[in-house]
Amino acid sequence: MPTVHLDLAERSYDILVEDHLLDRAGELIRECGLSGKAAIITDSNVGPHYADMLVTKLAEVDIQASLHTVRAGEASKSMSQSAELCGELNRAGHDRSSFVIALGGGVVGDLAGFVAAIFYRGVPFVQIPTTIVSQVDSSAGGKTGVNASEGKNLIGAFHQPRLVIVDPLTLDSLPGREYREGYAEAIKHAAIRDAAMIDDLAALDPGNQHPSADLLARNLAIKARIVEEDERETTGTRALLNFGHTIGHGIEASLPYGAMLHGEAISLGIRAALYLSEKVNGFPADQSKRILDLLKQFQLPLTLPEHISTDIVMDKLSHDKKFTSGNIKFVLLTAPGAAEVSTKVSLDMIREAVEHLRN
């Protein structure tokens, strides 16, 4: 079984990746030291496929589980939904001896992880990701949180999971658009840390929703090594994972949540970041084209819709967490598979990059 160990001293945990792991979820959770009562948080898309099976598998190892389902979509990542879930957990008899299981994609993982971080001042949680975004990126690393009207993920906490269980077979139930959008995060990993992965991703058939466990683990290992070096994003290393996200989040926040999928917005953000990488760092245009061709292969957008104004995008990204004390820290590529956090990017240059997306 491909296993990625994320080493954070007493907060260390394993990320397990293998087909049919959902069938073994109960025993794997017991083996990592969790028992008693569990609160499964899922959404209206994923729950009907996998929640009953998970409840059964937990019961087989004497873990009693309650099920809590939120409406699918980015709009559920809110403080009001977090408060509602905490109330549900209380009414279901959970306390500080319970633990939370996030069963779903990135939205569910962020939301359930945040609930676990604040319920009784913090209870353990397990990630069972079911989308590409979450299986290559968001399920690992301990960033949890919800959105504010000013922007994405502005309210949250660092709360590492106790275990991550990745079953690639859960991807089969995804609509094609939701499956493909997650590859923006894998392309990001290739761009910043693993240039050889660009060719490996290019060899995939976007219509085949069964990527290898090794490819998923390879992405998660990139995330794990960066998190180990900079868990709370204090040295700048973890900020490299934000390649494409500054402008991408600004675009995503310019629309009603869910109107554009996360990976679709990040695809636009990556194109803008490539433009700035060429302009500021002299990143080779032919290498940018390789990445852009890969985004096209997965049917991810590269042109900003006309109805999204540049002023709105600029306003939204100005609230981004990556703007520290008014200083702009922007992730740029320096070479294929290598990136840096640059302070050479101005607001005027960012505006120019957003306008570039209209071509």
Protein backbone atom coordinates (compact mmCIF):
# COMPACT_ATOMS: atom_id res chain seq x y z
CA MET A 1 0.00 0.00 0.00
CA PRO A 2 1.44 3.44 -0.88
CA THR A 3 1.82 5.20 2.45
CA VAL A 4 2.94 8.78 3.03
CA HIS A 5 4.07 9.59 6.56
CA LEU A 6 3.73 13.21 7.58
CA ASP A 7 6.23 13.80 10.38
CA LEU A 8 5.16 16.52 12.82
CA ALA A 9 6.44 15.05 16.10
CA GLU A 10 3.44 14.28 18.32
CA ARG A 11 1.06 15.37 15.53
CA SER A 12 2.47 12.93 12.98
CA TYR A 13 0.16 10.71 10.96
CA ASP A 14 -0.06 8.39 7.98
CA ILE A 15 -1.77 8.98 4.66
CA LEU A 16 -2.88 5.63 3.24
CA VAL A 17 -3.64 5.29 -0.48
CA GLU A 18 -5.13 2.14 -2.00
CA ASP A 19 -8.21 0.87 -3.83
CA HIS A 20 -10.96 -0.51 -1.54
CA LEU A 21 -9.60 1.21 1.59
CA LEU A 22 -13.10 2.43 2.43
CA ASP A 23 -14.00 -1.20 3.08
CA ARG A 24 -11.31 -1.26 5.78
CA ALA A 25 -11.99 2.18 7.24
CA GLY A 26 -13.23 0.87 10.59
CA GLU A 27 -10.19 -1.28 11.33
CA LEU A 28 -7.77 1.39 10.08
CA ILE A 29 -9.33 4.02 12.34
CA ARG A 30 -9.16 1.67 15.33
CA GLU A 31 -5.52 0.87 14.52
CA CYS A 32 -4.61 4.56 14.71
CA GLY A 33 -5.94 4.66 18.27
CA LEU A 34 -9.43 6.11 17.89
CA SER A 35 -12.52 4.49 19.44
CA GLY A 36 -15.84 5.34 21.06
CA LYS A 37 -18.19 7.71 19.22
CA ALA A 38 -17.67 9.30 15.82
CA ALA A 39 -19.45 12.11 14.01
CA ILE A 40 -19.37 11.63 10.25
CA ILE A 41 -19.66 14.93 8.38
CA THR A 42 -20.43 14.57 4.68
CA ASP A 43 -22.42 16.34 1.98
CA SER A 44 -25.53 15.68 -0.06
CA ASN A 45 -23.53 14.37 -3.03
CA VAL A 46 -21.11 12.03 -1.28
CA GLY A 47 -23.28 10.81 1.59
CA PRO A 48 -25.73 8.75 -0.50
CA HIS A 49 -22.83 6.83 -2.04
CA TYR A 50 -20.64 6.03 0.95
CA ALA A 51 -22.05 7.12 4.33
CA ASP A 52 -24.07 3.97 5.10
CA MET A 53 -21.12 1.76 4.26
CA LEU A 54 -18.87 3.78 6.56
CA VAL A 55 -21.37 3.62 9.43
CA THR A 56 -21.49 -0.17 9.00
CA LYS A 57 -17.72 -0.55 8.89
CA LEU A 58 -17.37 1.52 12.06
CA ALA A 59 -20.03 -0.53 13.84
CA GLU A 60 -18.06 -3.68 13.05
CA VAL A 61 -15.26 -2.37 15.28
CA ASP A 62 -17.63 -1.06 17.98
CA ILE A 63 -17.49 2.60 16.96
CA GLN A 64 -20.91 4.23 17.16
CA ALA A 65 -21.35 6.89 14.47
CA SER A 66 -23.82 9.70 13.91
CA LEU A 67 -24.26 11.12 10.41
CA HIS A 68 -24.35 14.84 9.65
CA THR A 69 -25.00 15.92 6.06
CA VAL A 70 -24.56 19.43 4.67
CA ARG A 71 -25.62 20.74 1.28
CA ALA A 72 -22.94 20.10 -1.35
CA GLY A 73 -21.03 23.16 -2.50
CA GLU A 74 -18.72 25.95 -1.40
CA ALA A 75 -21.57 27.86 0.26
CA SER A 76 -21.53 25.31 3.10
CA LYS A 77 -18.07 26.46 4.15
CA SER A 78 -19.42 29.11 6.50
CA MET A 79 -19.42 30.07 10.15
CA SER A 80 -23.17 29.54 10.34
CA GLN A 81 -22.84 25.99 9.03
CA SER A 82 -20.02 25.32 11.50
CA ALA A 83 -22.18 26.51 14.39
CA GLU A 84 -25.09 24.39 13.19
CA LEU A 85 -22.89 21.30 13.02
CA CYS A 86 -21.52 21.90 16.51
CA GLY A 87 -25.09 22.07 17.75
CA GLU A 88 -25.94 18.82 15.96
CA LEU A 89 -22.92 17.10 17.54
CA ASN A 90 -24.00 18.25 20.98
CA ARG A 91 -27.54 17.00 20.44
CA ALA A 92 -26.18 13.67 19.20
CA GLY A 93 -24.38 13.18 22.52
CA HIS A 94 -20.84 13.90 21.41
CA ASP A 95 -18.27 15.35 23.77
CA ARG A 96 -14.51 15.75 24.02
CA SER A 97 -14.05 11.96 23.89
CA SER A 98 -15.61 11.79 20.42
CA PHE A 99 -13.91 12.27 17.06
CA VAL A 100 -14.95 13.60 13.66
CA ILE A 101 -14.67 11.94 10.25
CA ALA A 102 -14.65 14.11 7.13
CA LEU A 103 -16.17 12.12 4.27
CA GLY A 104 -16.08 14.15 1.09
CA GLY A 105 -14.08 16.60 -0.98
CA GLY A 106 -12.19 19.73 -0.09
CA VAL A 107 -15.21 21.66 1.16
CA VAL A 108 -16.22 18.88 3.55
CA GLY A 109 -12.63 18.35 4.67
CA ASP A 110 -12.09 22.04 5.47
CA LEU A 111 -15.47 22.38 7.18
CA ALA A 112 -15.34 19.14 9.19
CA GLY A 113 -11.73 19.80 10.18
CA PHE A 114 -12.71 23.25 11.42
CA VAL A 115 -15.61 21.83 13.41
CA ALA A 116 -13.21 19.28 14.94
CA ALA A 117 -10.80 22.11 15.81
CA ILE A 118 -13.42 24.16 17.69
CA PHE A 119 -15.76 21.50 19.15
CA TYR A 120 -14.88 21.16 22.86
CA ARG A 121 -11.73 23.18 21.96
CA GLY A 122 -10.52 20.44 19.68
CA VAL A 123 -11.27 16.76 19.08
CA PRO A 124 -9.43 14.32 16.77
CA PHE A 125 -10.53 13.89 13.19
CA VAL A 126 -9.96 11.60 10.24
CA GLN A 127 -9.94 12.60 6.59
CA ILE A 128 -11.57 10.34 3.97
CA PRO A 129 -11.26 12.43 0.79
CA THR A 130 -13.38 11.62 -2.25
CA THR A 131 -12.30 14.15 -4.93
CA ILE A 132 -9.05 14.75 -6.80
CA VAL A 133 -8.58 18.12 -5.08
CA SER A 134 -8.77 16.47 -1.68
CA GLN A 135 -6.94 13.26 -2.63
CA VAL A 136 -3.87 15.08 -3.95
CA ASP A 137 -3.83 18.15 -1.74
CA SER A 138 -6.35 19.44 0.78
CA SER A 139 -6.81 16.33 2.96
CA ALA A 140 -3.21 16.59 4.19
CA GLY A 141 -1.56 19.43 6.04
CA GLY A 142 -4.01 20.45 8.73
CA LYS A 143 -5.41 23.66 7.24
CA THR A 144 -9.08 23.84 8.18
CA GLY A 145 -11.48 26.71 7.81
CA VAL A 146 -14.46 28.45 6.30
CA ASN A 147 -15.05 31.38 4.00
CA ALA A 148 -15.97 34.96 4.80
CA SER A 149 -17.78 37.41 2.56
CA GLU A 150 -14.44 39.12 1.99
CA GLY A 151 -12.70 36.01 0.68
CA LYS A 152 -11.93 32.30 0.91
CA ASN A 153 -10.59 30.56 4.00
CA LEU A 154 -10.18 33.72 6.06
CA ILE A 155 -11.50 32.01 9.22
CA GLY A 156 -9.85 28.79 10.34
CA ALA A 157 -7.35 26.88 12.40
CA PHE A 158 -4.41 24.55 11.97
CA HIS A 159 -5.67 21.15 13.12
CA GLN A 160 -3.88 18.08 11.83
CA PRO A 161 -5.91 14.91 11.15
CA ARG A 162 -5.11 11.70 13.00
CA LEU A 163 -5.26 9.67 9.78
CA VAL A 164 -5.98 10.17 6.06
CA ILE A 165 -7.64 7.32 4.14
CA VAL A 166 -7.54 7.71 0.35
CA ASP A 167 -9.58 5.24 -1.70
CA PRO A 168 -9.20 6.11 -5.42
CA LEU A 169 -12.33 4.10 -6.24
CA THR A 170 -14.48 6.81 -4.64
CA LEU A 171 -13.61 9.01 -7.63
CA ASP A 172 -15.83 6.86 -9.85
CA SER A 173 -18.98 8.55 -8.52
CA LEU A 174 -17.85 12.07 -9.46
CA PRO A 175 -19.31 13.97 -12.43
CA GLY A 176 -16.62 14.53 -15.05
CA ARG A 177 -16.30 18.28 -14.43
CA GLU A 178 -15.77 17.79 -10.68
CA TYR A 179 -13.24 15.04 -11.37
CA ARG A 180 -11.16 17.04 -13.84
CA GLU A 181 -11.07 20.30 -11.88
CA GLY A 182 -8.96 18.68 -9.18
CA TYR A 183 -6.07 18.21 -11.55
CA ALA A 184 -5.29 21.93 -11.26
CA GLU A 185 -3.77 21.08 -7.87
CA ALA A 186 -1.74 18.18 -9.28
CA ILE A 187 -0.49 20.43 -12.10
CA LYS A 188 0.46 22.98 -9.44
CA HIS A 189 2.54 20.36 -7.62
CA ALA A 190 4.30 19.41 -10.84
CA ALA A 191 5.04 23.06 -11.62
CA ILE A 192 6.57 23.89 -8.23
CA ARG A 193 8.27 20.63 -7.19
CA ASP A 194 8.21 17.79 -9.78
CA ALA A 195 8.75 18.78 -13.40
CA ALA A 196 8.76 15.13 -14.51
CA MET A 197 5.16 14.82 -13.33
CA ILE A 198 4.07 17.14 -16.15
CA ASP A 199 4.72 14.35 -18.66
CA ASP A 200 3.10 11.77 -16.37
CA LEU A 201 -0.05 13.85 -16.09
CA ALA A 202 -0.06 14.46 -19.84
CA ALA A 203 -0.14 10.68 -20.34
CA LEU A 204 -3.45 10.39 -18.44
CA ASP A 205 -6.84 10.09 -20.07
CA PRO A 206 -9.08 12.74 -18.42
CA GLY A 207 -12.06 10.48 -19.11
CA ASN A 208 -10.62 7.62 -17.05
CA GLN A 209 -11.55 8.37 -13.45
CA HIS A 210 -9.22 5.85 -11.87
CA PRO A 211 -5.75 7.35 -11.40
CA SER A 212 -3.08 5.15 -9.88
CA ALA A 213 -2.59 5.12 -6.14
CA ASP A 214 1.08 5.83 -6.77
CA LEU A 215 0.31 9.09 -8.60
CA LEU A 216 -1.97 10.27 -5.80
CA ALA A 217 0.64 9.33 -3.19
CA ARG A 218 3.32 11.16 -5.16
CA ASN A 219 1.30 14.36 -4.97
CA LEU A 220 0.57 13.88 -1.28
CA ALA A 221 4.27 13.31 -0.60
CA ILE A 222 5.06 16.71 -2.15
CA LYS A 223 2.47 18.30 0.13
CA ALA A 224 3.74 16.37 3.17
CA ARG A 225 7.39 17.36 2.73
CA ILE A 226 6.48 21.03 2.40
CA VAL A 227 4.17 20.91 5.44
CA GLU A 228 6.87 19.22 7.51
CA GLU A 229 9.22 22.08 6.73
CA ASP A 230 6.72 24.87 7.37
CA GLU A 231 3.57 23.63 9.10
CA ARG A 232 2.10 27.02 9.95
CA GLU A 233 3.40 28.95 6.95
CA THR A 234 5.90 30.98 8.95
CA THR A 235 9.11 30.49 6.93
CA GLY A 236 7.59 30.91 3.46
CA THR A 237 8.10 27.37 2.21
CA ARG A 238 4.47 26.34 2.61
CA ALA A 239 3.44 29.44 0.70
CA LEU A 240 4.82 27.76 -2.43
CA LEU A 241 1.64 25.64 -2.40
CA ASN A 242 -0.23 28.85 -3.17
CA PHE A 243 1.08 28.96 -6.75
CA GLY A 244 -1.88 30.12 -8.82
CA HIS A 245 -4.01 30.71 -5.75
CA THR A 246 -3.68 34.46 -5.12
CA ILE A 247 -5.41 35.50 -8.33
CA GLY A 248 -7.34 32.22 -8.45
CA HIS A 249 -8.95 32.86 -5.07
CA GLY A 250 -9.69 36.44 -6.11
CA ILE A 251 -11.55 35.18 -9.17
CA GLU A 252 -13.38 32.49 -7.21
CA ALA A 253 -14.48 34.99 -4.56
CA SER A 254 -15.72 37.41 -7.25
CA LEU A 255 -18.58 35.05 -8.03
CA PRO A 256 -21.26 33.47 -5.85
CA TYR A 257 -19.56 30.54 -4.12
CA GLY A 258 -19.78 27.47 -6.30
CA ALA A 259 -20.38 29.33 -9.58
CA MET A 260 -16.83 28.46 -10.57
CA LEU A 261 -15.21 25.32 -9.15
CA HIS A 262 -12.04 25.74 -7.13
CA GLY A 263 -9.79 24.01 -9.65
CA GLU A 264 -11.25 26.06 -12.49
CA ALA A 265 -10.39 29.30 -10.70
CA ILE A 266 -6.93 27.98 -9.87
CA SER A 267 -6.39 27.14 -13.54
CA LEU A 268 -6.91 30.80 -14.36
CA GLY A 269 -4.66 31.74 -11.45
CA ILE A 270 -1.92 29.44 -12.75
CA ARG A 271 -2.07 31.04 -16.19
CA ALA A 272 -1.73 34.49 -14.58
CA ALA A 273 1.15 33.29 -12.39
CA LEU A 274 2.92 31.85 -15.44
CA TYR A 275 2.58 35.22 -17.18
CA LEU A 276 4.18 36.94 -14.19
CA SER A 277 6.85 34.23 -13.90
CA GLU A 278 7.88 34.98 -17.49
CA LYS A 279 7.76 38.74 -16.92
CA VAL A 280 9.62 38.85 -13.58
CA ASN A 281 11.83 35.75 -13.59
CA GLY A 282 12.30 35.08 -17.28
CA PHE A 283 10.58 31.72 -16.99
CA PRO A 284 10.76 30.08 -20.44
CA ALA A 285 7.63 30.58 -22.54
CA ASP A 286 7.88 27.06 -23.94
CA GLN A 287 7.73 25.66 -20.41
CA SER A 288 4.67 27.79 -19.68
CA LYS A 289 3.06 26.34 -22.78
CA ARG A 290 3.62 22.78 -21.48
CA ILE A 291 1.68 23.65 -18.33
CA LEU A 292 -1.05 25.52 -20.21
CA ASP A 293 -1.46 22.58 -22.60
CA LEU A 294 -1.92 20.32 -19.60
CA LEU A 295 -4.63 22.57 -18.16
CA LYS A 296 -6.36 22.49 -21.56
CA GLN A 297 -6.12 18.70 -21.63
CA PHE A 298 -8.20 18.53 -18.46
CA GLN A 299 -10.68 21.03 -19.93
CA LEU A 300 -9.83 23.68 -17.38
CA PRO A 301 -10.55 27.32 -18.29
CA LEU A 302 -7.79 29.70 -19.36
CA THR A 303 -9.86 32.77 -20.29
CA LEU A 304 -11.52 35.01 -17.71
CA PRO A 305 -15.26 35.49 -18.34
CA GLU A 306 -16.03 39.04 -19.47
CA HIS A 307 -18.63 39.61 -16.74
CA ILE A 308 -15.97 39.30 -14.02
CA SER A 309 -14.46 42.76 -13.70
CA THR A 310 -10.80 43.28 -12.95
CA ASP A 311 -11.70 45.75 -10.19
CA ILE A 312 -13.74 43.12 -8.34
CA VAL A 313 -10.96 40.54 -8.64
CA MET A 314 -8.41 43.07 -7.34
CA ASP A 315 -10.65 43.96 -4.41
CA LYS A 316 -11.19 40.32 -3.47
CA LEU A 317 -7.54 39.31 -3.69
CA SER A 318 -6.50 42.32 -1.59
CA HIS A 319 -8.11 40.51 1.37
CA ASP A 320 -6.12 37.35 0.69
CA LYS A 321 -4.06 35.94 3.55
CA LYS A 322 -0.99 36.05 1.29
CA PHE A 323 -0.94 39.85 1.59
CA THR A 324 1.00 40.37 4.84
CA SER A 325 0.92 43.87 6.40
CA GLY A 326 0.15 45.27 2.99
CA ASN A 327 3.17 43.55 1.41
CA ILE A 328 2.55 41.35 -1.61
CA LYS A 329 4.10 37.90 -1.56
CA PHE A 330 3.47 36.19 -4.86
CA VAL A 331 4.55 32.68 -5.86
CA LEU A 332 6.47 32.58 -9.14
CA LEU A 333 8.25 29.80 -10.99
CA THR A 334 12.01 30.08 -11.38
CA ALA A 335 12.49 26.90 -13.44
CA PRO A 336 10.41 23.82 -14.28
CA GLY A 337 9.70 22.17 -10.94
CA ALA A 338 11.04 25.09 -8.90
CA ALA A 339 9.34 28.12 -7.37
CA GLU A 340 9.94 31.04 -5.03
CA VAL A 341 7.94 33.50 -2.97
CA SER A 342 8.67 36.83 -4.63
CA THR A 343 8.27 40.38 -3.34
CA LYS A 344 8.91 41.83 -6.82
CA VAL A 345 5.26 41.68 -7.94
CA SER A 346 3.30 44.92 -7.68
CA LEU A 347 -0.44 45.49 -7.67
CA ASP A 348 -0.16 47.02 -11.14
CA MET A 349 1.54 43.85 -12.37
CA ILE A 350 -1.19 41.70 -10.83
CA ARG A 351 -3.83 43.85 -12.55
CA GLU A 352 -1.96 43.39 -15.83
CA ALA A 353 -1.92 39.61 -15.31
CA VAL A 354 -5.68 39.58 -14.67
CA GLU A 355 -6.21 41.55 -17.89
CA HIS A 356 -3.95 39.06 -19.68
CA LEU A 357 -6.51 36.36 -18.87
CA ARG A 358 -9.00 38.07 -21.19
CA ASN A 359 -6.89 37.28 -24.29
